[in-house]
PDB file of N, CA and C in Angstrom:
ATOM      1  N   MET A   1      -7.146  -4.647   0.179  1.00  0.00           N
ATOM      2  CA  MET A   1      -6.680  -6.239  -0.340  1.00  0.00           C
ATOM      3  C   MET A   1      -5.385  -6.400  -0.037  1.00  0.00           C
ATOM      4  N   ASN A   2      -5.040  -7.501   0.406  1.00  0.00           N
ATOM      5  CA  ASN A   2      -3.541  -7.780   0.796  1.00  0.00           C
ATOM      6  C   ASN A   2      -2.983  -8.693  -0.647  1.00  0.00           C
ATOM      7  N   GLU A   3      -2.069  -8.060  -1.074  1.00  0.00           N
ATOM      8  CA  GLU A   3      -1.373  -8.373  -2.434  1.00  0.00           C
ATOM      9  C   GLU A   3      -0.015  -8.991  -2.158  1.00  0.00           C
ATOM     10  N   LEU A   4       0.284 -10.287  -2.762  1.00  0.00           N
ATOM     11  CA  LEU A   4       1.682 -10.692  -2.593  1.00  0.00           C
ATOM     12  C   LEU A   4       2.648  -9.741  -3.412  1.00  0.00           C
ATOM     13  N   ALA A   5       3.796  -9.405  -2.750  1.00  0.00           N
ATOM     14  CA  ALA A   5       4.672  -8.261  -3.279  1.00  0.00           C
ATOM     15  C   ALA A   5       6.058  -8.831  -3.257  1.00  0.00           C
ATOM     16  N   ASP A   6       6.373 -10.207  -3.780  1.00  0.00           N
ATOM     17  CA  ASP A   6       7.778 -10.544  -3.586  1.00  0.00           C
ATOM     18  C   ASP A   6       8.758  -9.949  -4.578  1.00  0.00           C
ATOM     19  N   ASP A   7       8.281  -9.065  -5.497  1.00  0.00           N
ATOM     20  CA  ASP A   7       9.262  -8.280  -6.351  1.00  0.00           C
ATOM     21  C   ASP A   7       9.622  -7.059  -5.759  1.00  0.00           C
ATOM     22  N   LEU A   8       9.060  -6.682  -4.518  1.00  0.00           N
ATOM     23  CA  LEU A   8       9.503  -5.515  -3.912  1.00  0.00           C
ATOM     24  C   LEU A   8      10.226  -5.677  -2.618  1.00  0.00           C
ATOM     25  N   CYS A   9      10.896  -4.567  -2.027  1.00  0.00           N
ATOM     26  CA  CYS A   9      11.618  -4.720  -0.942  1.00  0.00           C
ATOM     27  C   CYS A   9      11.507  -3.440  -0.129  1.00  0.00           C
ATOM     28  N   GLU A  10      11.997  -3.328   1.139  1.00  0.00           N
ATOM     29  CA  GLU A  10      12.191  -2.142   1.810  1.00  0.00           C
ATOM     30  C   GLU A  10      13.678  -2.075   2.041  1.00  0.00           C
ATOM     31  N   VAL A  11      14.580  -0.932   1.632  1.00  0.00           N
ATOM     32  CA  VAL A  11      15.907  -0.984   1.968  1.00  0.00           C
ATOM     33  C   VAL A  11      16.154   0.027   3.227  1.00  0.00           C
ATOM     34  N   ILE A  12      16.900  -0.517   3.981  1.00  0.00           N
ATOM     35  CA  ILE A  12      17.315   0.453   5.241  1.00  0.00           C
ATOM     36  C   ILE A  12      18.817   0.852   5.135  1.00  0.00           C
ATOM     37  N   VAL A  13      18.978   2.007   5.325  1.00  0.00           N
ATOM     38  CA  VAL A  13      20.169   2.974   5.334  1.00  0.00           C
ATOM     39  C   VAL A  13      20.320   3.628   6.590  1.00  0.00           C
ATOM     40  N   THR A  14      21.469   3.396   7.041  1.00  0.00           N
ATOM     41  CA  THR A  14      21.729   4.565   8.361  1.00  0.00           C
ATOM     42  C   THR A  14      22.854   5.293   7.964  1.00  0.00           C
ATOM     43  N   ALA A  15      22.965   6.524   8.546  1.00  0.00           N
ATOM     44  CA  ALA A  15      24.098   7.427   8.364  1.00  0.00           C
ATOM     45  C   ALA A  15      24.066   8.425   9.351  1.00  0.00           C
ATOM     46  N   PRO A  16      25.236   9.102   9.482  1.00  0.00           N
ATOM     47  CA  PRO A  16      25.388   9.870  10.771  1.00  0.00           C
ATOM     48  C   PRO A  16      24.412  11.323  10.687  1.00  0.00           C
ATOM     49  N   ASP A  17      24.054  11.760   9.531  1.00  0.00           N
ATOM     50  CA  ASP A  17      23.360  12.970   9.372  1.00  0.00           C
ATOM     51  C   ASP A  17      22.104  12.814   8.749  1.00  0.00           C
ATOM     52  N   ALA A  18      20.973  13.492   9.298  1.00  0.00           N
ATOM     53  CA  ALA A  18      19.663  13.095   8.527  1.00  0.00           C
ATOM     54  C   ALA A  18      19.555  13.983   7.214  1.00  0.00           C
ATOM     55  N   GLU A  19      20.204  15.099   7.093  1.00  0.00           N
ATOM     56  CA  GLU A  19      20.202  15.981   5.945  1.00  0.00           C
ATOM     57  C   GLU A  19      20.966  15.309   4.847  1.00  0.00           C
ATOM     58  N   TRP A  20      22.084  14.741   5.054  1.00  0.00           N
ATOM     59  CA  TRP A  20      22.844  13.837   4.080  1.00  0.00           C
ATOM     60  C   TRP A  20      21.860  12.731   3.541  1.00  0.00           C
ATOM     61  N   LEU A  21      21.321  12.069   4.499  1.00  0.00           N
ATOM     62  CA  LEU A  21      20.517  10.885   4.155  1.00  0.00           C
ATOM     63  C   LEU A  21      19.260  11.404   3.492  1.00  0.00           C
ATOM     64  N   GLY A  22      18.734  12.425   3.895  1.00  0.00           N
ATOM     65  CA  GLY A  22      17.575  12.883   3.086  1.00  0.00           C
ATOM     66  C   GLY A  22      17.937  13.276   1.473  1.00  0.00           C
ATOM     67  N   ALA A  23      18.981  13.610   1.453  1.00  0.00           N
ATOM     68  CA  ALA A  23      19.470  14.192  -0.011  1.00  0.00           C
ATOM     69  C   ALA A  23      19.826  12.808  -0.851  1.00  0.00           C
ATOM     70  N   LEU A  24      20.369  11.885  -0.193  1.00  0.00           N
ATOM     71  CA  LEU A  24      20.758  10.623  -0.892  1.00  0.00           C
ATOM     72  C   LEU A  24      19.421   9.942  -1.159  1.00  0.00           C
ATOM     73  N   ALA A  25      18.426   9.967  -0.364  1.00  0.00           N
ATOM     74  CA  ALA A  25      16.914   9.381  -0.557  1.00  0.00           C
ATOM     75  C   ALA A  25      16.435  10.239  -1.699  1.00  0.00           C
ATOM     76  N   ARG A  26      16.641  11.471  -1.809  1.00  0.00           N
ATOM     77  CA  ARG A  26      15.996  12.258  -2.854  1.00  0.00           C
ATOM     78  C   ARG A  26      16.639  11.852  -4.162  1.00  0.00           C
ATOM     79  N   GLN A  27      18.160  11.535  -4.265  1.00  0.00           N
ATOM     80  CA  GLN A  27      18.694  11.083  -5.436  1.00  0.00           C
ATOM     81  C   GLN A  27      18.148   9.803  -5.901  1.00  0.00           C
ATOM     82  N   LEU A  28      17.886   9.019  -4.872  1.00  0.00           N
ATOM     83  CA  LEU A  28      17.433   7.634  -5.200  1.00  0.00           C
ATOM     84  C   LEU A  28      15.979   7.552  -5.779  1.00  0.00           C
ATOM     85  N   ILE A  29      15.110   8.512  -5.433  1.00  0.00           N
ATOM     86  CA  ILE A  29      13.834   8.665  -5.872  1.00  0.00           C
ATOM     87  C   ILE A  29      13.867   9.371  -7.110  1.00  0.00           C
ATOM     88  N   GLU A  30      14.602  10.326  -7.414  1.00  0.00           N
ATOM     89  CA  GLU A  30      14.687  11.107  -8.679  1.00  0.00           C
ATOM     90  C   GLU A  30      15.156  10.183  -9.668  1.00  0.00           C
ATOM     91  N   THR A  31      16.041   9.303  -9.354  1.00  0.00           N
ATOM     92  CA  THR A  31      16.548   8.432 -10.515  1.00  0.00           C
ATOM     93  C   THR A  31      15.620   7.034 -10.701  1.00  0.00           C
ATOM     94  N   ARG A  32      14.523   7.264  -9.862  1.00  0.00           N
ATOM     95  CA  ARG A  32      13.399   6.092  -9.892  1.00  0.00           C
ATOM     96  C   ARG A  32      14.098   4.648  -9.461  1.00  0.00           C
ATOM     97  N   LEU A  33      15.065   4.542  -8.724  1.00  0.00           N
ATOM     98  CA  LEU A  33      15.521   3.404  -8.049  1.00  0.00           C
ATOM     99  C   LEU A  33      14.733   3.082  -6.787  1.00  0.00           C
ATOM    100  N   CYS A  34      14.125   4.213  -6.203  1.00  0.00           N
ATOM    101  CA  CYS A  34      13.321   4.112  -4.984  1.00  0.00           C
ATOM    102  C   CYS A  34      11.901   4.876  -5.349  1.00  0.00           C
ATOM    103  N   ALA A  35      10.792   4.219  -4.584  1.00  0.00           N
ATOM    104  CA  ALA A  35       9.531   5.048  -4.855  1.00  0.00           C
ATOM    105  C   ALA A  35       9.448   6.139  -3.980  1.00  0.00           C
ATOM    106  N   SER A  36       9.809   5.816  -2.549  1.00  0.00           N
ATOM    107  CA  SER A  36       9.625   6.673  -1.379  1.00  0.00           C
ATOM    108  C   SER A  36      10.680   6.481  -0.477  1.00  0.00           C
ATOM    109  N   ALA A  37      10.680   7.387   0.623  1.00  0.00           N
ATOM    110  CA  ALA A  37      11.613   7.229   1.611  1.00  0.00           C
ATOM    111  C   ALA A  37      11.134   7.768   2.995  1.00  0.00           C
ATOM    112  N   HIS A  38      11.199   7.133   4.086  1.00  0.00           N
ATOM    113  CA  HIS A  38      10.958   7.885   5.339  1.00  0.00           C
ATOM    114  C   HIS A  38      12.377   7.931   6.080  1.00  0.00           C
ATOM    115  N   VAL A  39      12.810   9.098   6.412  1.00  0.00           N
ATOM    116  CA  VAL A  39      13.920   9.503   7.274  1.00  0.00           C
ATOM    117  C   VAL A  39      13.691   9.636   8.541  1.00  0.00           C
ATOM    118  N   VAL A  40      14.086   8.863   9.409  1.00  0.00           N
ATOM    119  CA  VAL A  40      13.900   8.973  10.801  1.00  0.00           C
ATOM    120  C   VAL A  40      15.190   9.446  11.602  1.00  0.00           C
ATOM    121  N   ALA A  41      14.852  10.462  12.372  1.00  0.00           N
ATOM    122  CA  ALA A  41      16.358  10.853  13.280  1.00  0.00           C
ATOM    123  C   ALA A  41      15.596  11.459  14.585  1.00  0.00           C
ATOM    124  N   PRO A  42      16.305  11.322  15.529  1.00  0.00           N
ATOM    125  CA  PRO A  42      17.602  10.775  15.785  1.00  0.00           C
ATOM    126  C   PRO A  42      17.204   9.350  16.041  1.00  0.00           C
ATOM    127  N   VAL A  43      18.105   8.492  15.818  1.00  0.00           N
ATOM    128  CA  VAL A  43      18.134   7.007  16.002  1.00  0.00           C
ATOM    129  C   VAL A  43      19.341   6.604  16.705  1.00  0.00           C
ATOM    130  N   ARG A  44      19.334   5.959  17.935  1.00  0.00           N
ATOM    131  CA  ARG A  44      20.276   5.653  18.892  1.00  0.00           C
ATOM    132  C   ARG A  44      20.885   4.322  18.218  1.00  0.00           C
ATOM    133  N   ALA A  45      22.284   4.375  17.952  1.00  0.00           N
ATOM    134  CA  ALA A  45      22.875   3.268  17.365  1.00  0.00           C
ATOM    135  C   ALA A  45      24.013   2.636  18.361  1.00  0.00           C
ATOM    136  N   ILE A  46      23.869   1.532  18.813  1.00  0.00           N
ATOM    137  CA  ILE A  46      24.985   0.922  19.653  1.00  0.00           C
ATOM    138  C   ILE A  46      25.509  -0.304  18.790  1.00  0.00           C
ATOM    139  N   TYR A  47      26.832  -0.215  18.801  1.00  0.00           N
ATOM    140  CA  TYR A  47      27.429  -1.533  18.031  1.00  0.00           C
ATOM    141  C   TYR A  47      28.837  -1.593  18.304  1.00  0.00           C
ATOM    142  N   GLU A  48      29.405  -2.714  17.973  1.00  0.00           N
ATOM    143  CA  GLU A  48      30.933  -2.938  18.171  1.00  0.00           C
ATOM    144  C   GLU A  48      31.658  -2.578  16.884  1.00  0.00           C
ATOM    145  N   TRP A  49      32.696  -1.800  16.841  1.00  0.00           N
ATOM    146  CA  TRP A  49      33.402  -1.514  15.649  1.00  0.00           C
ATOM    147  C   TRP A  49      34.815  -1.277  16.054  1.00  0.00           C
ATOM    148  N   GLN A  50      35.618  -2.201  15.390  1.00  0.00           N
ATOM    149  CA  GLN A  50      37.066  -2.324  15.671  1.00  0.00           C
ATOM    150  C   GLN A  50      37.460  -2.258  17.073  1.00  0.00           C
ATOM    151  N   GLY A  51      36.730  -3.159  17.778  1.00  0.00           N
ATOM    152  CA  GLY A  51      37.058  -3.400  19.226  1.00  0.00           C
ATOM    153  C   GLY A  51      36.557  -2.484  20.216  1.00  0.00           C
ATOM    154  N   THR A  52      35.824  -1.712  19.775  1.00  0.00           N
ATOM    155  CA  THR A  52      35.106  -0.556  20.729  1.00  0.00           C
ATOM    156  C   THR A  52      33.596  -0.574  20.694  1.00  0.00           C
ATOM    157  N   VAL A  53      32.750  -0.688  21.661  1.00  0.00           N
ATOM    158  CA  VAL A  53      31.367  -0.581  21.611  1.00  0.00           C
ATOM    159  C   VAL A  53      31.143   1.129  21.418  1.00  0.00           C
ATOM    160  N   GLU A  54      30.401   1.170  20.411  1.00  0.00           N
ATOM    161  CA  GLU A  54      30.161   2.803  19.878  1.00  0.00           C
ATOM    162  C   GLU A  54      28.620   2.866  20.350  1.00  0.00           C
ATOM    163  N   ASP A  55      28.252   4.040  20.758  1.00  0.00           N
ATOM    164  CA  ASP A  55      26.980   4.519  20.993  1.00  0.00           C
ATOM    165  C   ASP A  55      26.768   5.870  20.624  1.00  0.00           C
ATOM    166  N   VAL A  56      26.225   6.007  19.400  1.00  0.00           N
ATOM    167  CA  VAL A  56      26.026   7.178  18.728  1.00  0.00           C
ATOM    168  C   VAL A  56      24.584   7.508  18.235  1.00  0.00           C
ATOM    169  N   VAL A  57      24.314   8.859  17.814  1.00  0.00           N
ATOM    170  CA  VAL A  57      23.094   9.221  17.153  1.00  0.00           C
ATOM    171  C   VAL A  57      23.410   9.119  15.823  1.00  0.00           C
ATOM    172  N   GLU A  58      22.491   8.442  15.064  1.00  0.00           N
ATOM    173  CA  GLU A  58      22.286   8.403  13.476  1.00  0.00           C
ATOM    174  C   GLU A  58      20.995   8.769  13.138  1.00  0.00           C
ATOM    175  N   ALA A  59      20.813   8.827  11.738  1.00  0.00           N
ATOM    176  CA  ALA A  59      19.476   8.700  11.170  1.00  0.00           C
ATOM    177  C   ALA A  59      19.356   7.526  10.391  1.00  0.00           C
ATOM    178  N   ARG A  60      18.114   7.222  10.040  1.00  0.00           N
ATOM    179  CA  ARG A  60      17.751   5.958   9.345  1.00  0.00           C
ATOM    180  C   ARG A  60      16.685   6.125   8.305  1.00  0.00           C
ATOM    181  N   ALA A  61      16.910   5.488   7.126  1.00  0.00           N
ATOM    182  CA  ALA A  61      15.966   5.622   6.043  1.00  0.00           C
ATOM    183  C   ALA A  61      15.396   4.423   5.795  1.00  0.00           C
ATOM    184  N   PHE A  62      14.073   4.322   5.294  1.00  0.00           N
ATOM    185  CA  PHE A  62      13.368   3.225   4.995  1.00  0.00           C
ATOM    186  C   PHE A  62      12.934   3.405   3.620  1.00  0.00           C
ATOM    187  N   LEU A  63      13.472   2.857   2.647  1.00  0.00           N
ATOM    188  CA  LEU A  63      13.158   3.004   1.296  1.00  0.00           C
ATOM    189  C   LEU A  63      12.415   1.902   0.570  1.00  0.00           C
ATOM    190  N   ARG A  64      11.473   2.324  -0.215  1.00  0.00           N
ATOM    191  CA  ARG A  64      10.578   1.174  -0.914  1.00  0.00           C
ATOM    192  C   ARG A  64      11.109   1.077  -2.380  1.00  0.00           C
ATOM    193  N   ALA A  65      11.383  -0.199  -2.808  1.00  0.00           N
ATOM    194  CA  ALA A  65      12.077  -0.312  -4.063  1.00  0.00           C
ATOM    195  C   ALA A  65      11.790  -1.778  -4.790  1.00  0.00           C
ATOM    196  N   ARG A  66      12.176  -1.933  -5.985  1.00  0.00           N
ATOM    197  CA  ARG A  66      12.036  -3.252  -6.557  1.00  0.00           C
ATOM    198  C   ARG A  66      13.254  -3.965  -6.126  1.00  0.00           C
ATOM    199  N   ARG A  67      13.092  -5.292  -5.876  1.00  0.00           N
ATOM    200  CA  ARG A  67      14.123  -6.068  -5.552  1.00  0.00           C
ATOM    201  C   ARG A  67      15.361  -6.278  -6.656  1.00  0.00           C
ATOM    202  N   THR A  68      14.970  -5.910  -7.958  1.00  0.00           N
ATOM    203  CA  THR A  68      15.840  -5.878  -8.989  1.00  0.00           C
ATOM    204  C   THR A  68      16.804  -4.788  -8.889  1.00  0.00           C
ATOM    205  N   ALA A  69      16.319  -3.724  -8.210  1.00  0.00           N
ATOM    206  CA  ALA A  69      17.239  -2.376  -8.195  1.00  0.00           C
ATOM    207  C   ALA A  69      18.115  -2.522  -6.879  1.00  0.00           C
ATOM    208  N   LEU A  70      18.047  -3.463  -6.121  1.00  0.00           N
ATOM    209  CA  LEU A  70      18.719  -3.500  -4.871  1.00  0.00           C
ATOM    210  C   LEU A  70      20.288  -3.502  -5.076  1.00  0.00           C
ATOM    211  N   GLU A  71      20.705  -4.210  -5.956  1.00  0.00           N
ATOM    212  CA  GLU A  71      22.245  -4.359  -6.312  1.00  0.00           C
ATOM    213  C   GLU A  71      22.646  -2.837  -6.575  1.00  0.00           C
ATOM    214  N   THR A  72      21.984  -2.173  -7.481  1.00  0.00           N
ATOM    215  CA  THR A  72      22.298  -0.725  -7.937  1.00  0.00           C
ATOM    216  C   THR A  72      22.216   0.241  -6.815  1.00  0.00           C
ATOM    217  N   ILE A  73      21.217   0.107  -5.948  1.00  0.00           N
ATOM    218  CA  ILE A  73      21.075   0.953  -4.792  1.00  0.00           C
ATOM    219  C   ILE A  73      22.258   0.734  -3.849  1.00  0.00           C
ATOM    220  N   VAL A  74      22.676  -0.461  -3.640  1.00  0.00           N
ATOM    221  CA  VAL A  74      23.820  -0.796  -2.701  1.00  0.00           C
ATOM    222  C   VAL A  74      25.071  -0.131  -3.322  1.00  0.00           C
ATOM    223  N   LYS A  75      25.087  -0.122  -4.582  1.00  0.00           N
ATOM    224  CA  LYS A  75      26.473   0.395  -5.142  1.00  0.00           C
ATOM    225  C   LYS A  75      26.370   2.073  -5.014  1.00  0.00           C
ATOM    226  N   VAL A  76      25.268   2.658  -5.276  1.00  0.00           N
ATOM    227  CA  VAL A  76      25.126   4.134  -5.403  1.00  0.00           C
ATOM    228  C   VAL A  76      25.326   4.518  -3.833  1.00  0.00           C
ATOM    229  N   VAL A  77      24.757   3.729  -2.865  1.00  0.00           N
ATOM    230  CA  VAL A  77      24.930   4.257  -1.358  1.00  0.00           C
ATOM    231  C   VAL A  77      26.242   4.141  -0.926  1.00  0.00           C
ATOM    232  N   THR A  78      26.738   2.910  -1.157  1.00  0.00           N
ATOM    233  CA  THR A  78      28.103   2.691  -0.681  1.00  0.00           C
ATOM    234  C   THR A  78      29.196   3.595  -1.142  1.00  0.00           C
ATOM    235  N   ALA A  79      29.205   3.965  -2.628  1.00  0.00           N
ATOM    236  CA  ALA A  79      29.993   4.879  -3.218  1.00  0.00           C
ATOM    237  C   ALA A  79      30.018   6.277  -2.665  1.00  0.00           C
ATOM    238  N   ARG A  80      28.914   6.788  -2.080  1.00  0.00           N
ATOM    239  CA  ARG A  80      28.596   8.117  -1.591  1.00  0.00           C
ATOM    240  C   ARG A  80      28.776   8.195  -0.117  1.00  0.00           C
ATOM    241  N   HIS A  81      28.640   7.042   0.503  1.00  0.00           N
ATOM    242  CA  HIS A  81      28.322   7.029   2.060  1.00  0.00           C
ATOM    243  C   HIS A  81      29.604   7.406   2.755  1.00  0.00           C
ATOM    244  N   PRO A  82      29.555   8.157   3.884  1.00  0.00           N
ATOM    245  CA  PRO A  82      30.700   8.542   4.859  1.00  0.00           C
ATOM    246  C   PRO A  82      31.291   7.446   5.512  1.00  0.00           C
ATOM    247  N   TYR A  83      30.463   6.321   5.852  1.00  0.00           N
ATOM    248  CA  TYR A  83      31.027   5.192   6.603  1.00  0.00           C
ATOM    249  C   TYR A  83      31.854   4.507   5.887  1.00  0.00           C
ATOM    250  N   GLU A  84      32.891   3.741   6.427  1.00  0.00           N
ATOM    251  CA  GLU A  84      33.898   2.730   5.666  1.00  0.00           C
ATOM    252  C   GLU A  84      32.901   1.445   5.320  1.00  0.00           C
ATOM    253  N   VAL A  85      32.079   1.180   6.202  1.00  0.00           N
ATOM    254  CA  VAL A  85      31.148   0.155   5.935  1.00  0.00           C
ATOM    255  C   VAL A  85      29.817   0.361   6.295  1.00  0.00           C
ATOM    256  N   PRO A  86      29.006   1.021   5.440  1.00  0.00           N
ATOM    257  CA  PRO A  86      27.713   1.512   5.753  1.00  0.00           C
ATOM    258  C   PRO A  86      26.619   0.335   5.731  1.00  0.00           C
ATOM    259  N   ASN A  87      25.490   0.553   6.564  1.00  0.00           N
ATOM    260  CA  ASN A  87      24.422  -0.578   6.645  1.00  0.00           C
ATOM    261  C   ASN A  87      23.528  -0.082   5.592  1.00  0.00           C
ATOM    262  N   VAL A  88      23.473  -1.109   4.603  1.00  0.00           N
ATOM    263  CA  VAL A  88      22.609  -1.089   3.554  1.00  0.00           C
ATOM    264  C   VAL A  88      22.102  -2.452   3.325  1.00  0.00           C
ATOM    265  N   THR A  89      20.789  -2.535   4.050  1.00  0.00           N
ATOM    266  CA  THR A  89      20.229  -3.953   4.119  1.00  0.00           C
ATOM    267  C   THR A  89      18.795  -3.711   3.466  1.00  0.00           C
ATOM    268  N   ALA A  90      18.219  -5.170   3.245  1.00  0.00           N
ATOM    269  CA  ALA A  90      16.915  -5.046   2.725  1.00  0.00           C
ATOM    270  C   ALA A  90      16.041  -6.220   3.242  1.00  0.00           C
ATOM    271  N   ILE A  91      14.775  -5.922   3.346  1.00  0.00           N
ATOM    272  CA  ILE A  91      13.798  -6.856   3.912  1.00  0.00           C
ATOM    273  C   ILE A  91      12.727  -7.043   2.732  1.00  0.00           C
ATOM    274  N   PRO A  92      12.265  -8.251   2.533  1.00  0.00           N
ATOM    275  CA  PRO A  92      11.157  -8.436   1.579  1.00  0.00           C
ATOM    276  C   PRO A  92       9.887  -7.850   2.098  1.00  0.00           C
ATOM    277  N   ILE A  93       9.034  -7.235   1.045  1.00  0.00           N
ATOM    278  CA  ILE A  93       7.721  -6.754   1.375  1.00  0.00           C
ATOM    279  C   ILE A  93       6.875  -8.065   1.003  1.00  0.00           C
ATOM    280  N   ILE A  94       6.098  -8.562   1.933  1.00  0.00           N
ATOM    281  CA  ILE A  94       5.507  -9.939   1.693  1.00  0.00           C
ATOM    282  C   ILE A  94       3.976  -9.536   1.201  1.00  0.00           C
ATOM    283  N   GLY A  95       3.598  -8.373   1.420  1.00  0.00           N
ATOM    284  CA  GLY A  95       2.217  -8.104   1.007  1.00  0.00           C
ATOM    285  C   GLY A  95       1.820  -6.546   1.527  1.00  0.00           C
ATOM    286  N   GLY A  96       0.425  -6.314   1.226  1.00  0.00           N
ATOM    287  CA  GLY A  96       0.036  -5.044   1.640  1.00  0.00           C
ATOM    288  C   GLY A  96      -1.101  -4.359   0.761  1.00  0.00           C
ATOM    289  N   ASN A  97      -1.118  -3.110   0.905  1.00  0.00           N
ATOM    290  CA  ASN A  97      -2.198  -2.392   0.144  1.00  0.00           C
ATOM    291  C   ASN A  97      -1.935  -2.678  -1.350  1.00  0.00           C
ATOM    292  N   SER A  98      -2.748  -3.287  -2.043  1.00  0.00           N
ATOM    293  CA  SER A  98      -2.382  -3.486  -3.601  1.00  0.00           C
ATOM    294  C   SER A  98      -2.309  -2.181  -4.383  1.00  0.00           C
ATOM    295  N   ASP A  99      -3.078  -1.138  -3.939  1.00  0.00           N
ATOM    296  CA  ASP A  99      -2.836   0.036  -4.762  1.00  0.00           C
ATOM    297  C   ASP A  99      -1.528   0.868  -4.383  1.00  0.00           C
ATOM    298  N   TYR A 100      -1.125   0.682  -3.155  1.00  0.00           N
ATOM    299  CA  TYR A 100       0.295   1.225  -2.798  1.00  0.00           C
ATOM    300  C   TYR A 100       1.413   0.463  -3.461  1.00  0.00           C
ATOM    301  N   LEU A 101       1.221  -0.775  -3.449  1.00  0.00           N
ATOM    302  CA  LEU A 101       2.294  -1.665  -4.080  1.00  0.00           C
ATOM    303  C   LEU A 101       2.322  -1.361  -5.602  1.00  0.00           C
ATOM    304  N   ALA A 102       1.212  -1.200  -6.219  1.00  0.00           N
ATOM    305  CA  ALA A 102       1.195  -0.832  -7.591  1.00  0.00           C
ATOM    306  C   ALA A 102       1.739   0.511  -7.874  1.00  0.00           C
ATOM    307  N   TRP A 103       1.570   1.423  -7.167  1.00  0.00           N
ATOM    308  CA  TRP A 103       2.334   2.640  -7.021  1.00  0.00           C
ATOM    309  C   TRP A 103       3.785   2.655  -7.001  1.00  0.00           C
ATOM    310  N   VAL A 104       4.309   1.759  -5.992  1.00  0.00           N
ATOM    311  CA  VAL A 104       5.860   1.571  -5.895  1.00  0.00           C
ATOM    312  C   VAL A 104       6.236   1.061  -7.199  1.00  0.00           C
ATOM    313  N   ARG A 105       5.665   0.059  -7.899  1.00  0.00           N
ATOM    314  CA  ARG A 105       6.071  -0.396  -8.926  1.00  0.00           C
ATOM    315  C   ARG A 105       6.064   0.575 -10.086  1.00  0.00           C
ATOM    316  N   GLU A 106       4.952   1.451 -10.276  1.00  0.00           N
ATOM    317  CA  GLU A 106       4.898   2.554 -11.194  1.00  0.00           C
ATOM    318  C   GLU A 106       5.943   3.749 -10.990  1.00  0.00           C
ATOM    319  N   ALA A 107       6.343   3.894  -9.623  1.00  0.00           N
ATOM    320  CA  ALA A 107       7.403   5.126  -9.467  1.00  0.00           C
ATOM    321  C   ALA A 107       8.672   4.603  -9.598  1.00  0.00           C
ATOM    322  N   THR A 108       8.900   3.316  -9.910  1.00  0.00           N
ATOM    323  CA  THR A 108      10.281   2.863 -10.002  1.00  0.00           C
ATOM    324  C   THR A 108      10.582   2.199 -11.376  1.00  0.00           C
ATOM    325  N   THR A 109      11.833   2.138 -11.839  1.00  0.00           N
ATOM    326  CA  THR A 109      12.052   1.438 -12.937  1.00  0.00           C
ATOM    327  C   THR A 109      12.774   0.164 -12.660  1.00  0.00           C
ATOM    328  N   ASP A 110      12.661  -0.597 -13.513  1.00  0.00           N
ATOM    329  CA  ASP A 110      13.349  -2.217 -13.247  1.00  0.00           C
ATOM    330  C   ASP A 110      14.823  -2.068 -14.148  1.00  0.00           C
ATOM    331  N   PRO A 111      15.846  -1.906 -13.220  1.00  0.00           N
ATOM    332  CA  PRO A 111      17.146  -1.894 -13.928  1.00  0.00           C
ATOM    333  C   PRO A 111      17.597  -3.084 -14.578  1.00  0.00           C
ATOM    334  N   ALA A 112      16.770  -4.169 -14.321  1.00  0.00           N
ATOM    335  CA  ALA A 112      17.451  -5.496 -14.837  1.00  0.00           C
ATOM    336  C   ALA A 112      17.070  -5.731 -16.315  1.00  0.00           C
TER     337      ALA A 112
END
C-alpha cells in the first residue's frame, strides 16, 4: 500500500571516504536522527570548486529521516565533515511501503 509520507525525507551526504561516512551514518542512527543508511562507493563527483573543475572519487550516503530532524542532521554533519562546504541535501519521501515508512518513524525520534 502506498502511503503519503510528507513527514519523512531522504538526506544525501557525500564525503571523500566511505569508512568515515559509514561511521557518521552509524552515529546518526545510534542517536535516532536517522533510521537507516545506504553508503555507496565509489561515486565519481565532477564539480567546479574555486575556479577549478574537480573530478574525484567520493562516497555517498542515503539516509532516511524525519523532516523535523533535518536541521539537526545538517548541524551534526557540517560540524564533523572534512569538507569546507559539505553536500548535505534532502529530498521529500512522497510515499511508499506503509510498513517501511512506519518503521522509519518508529526508529527515529522527533527533535521538534
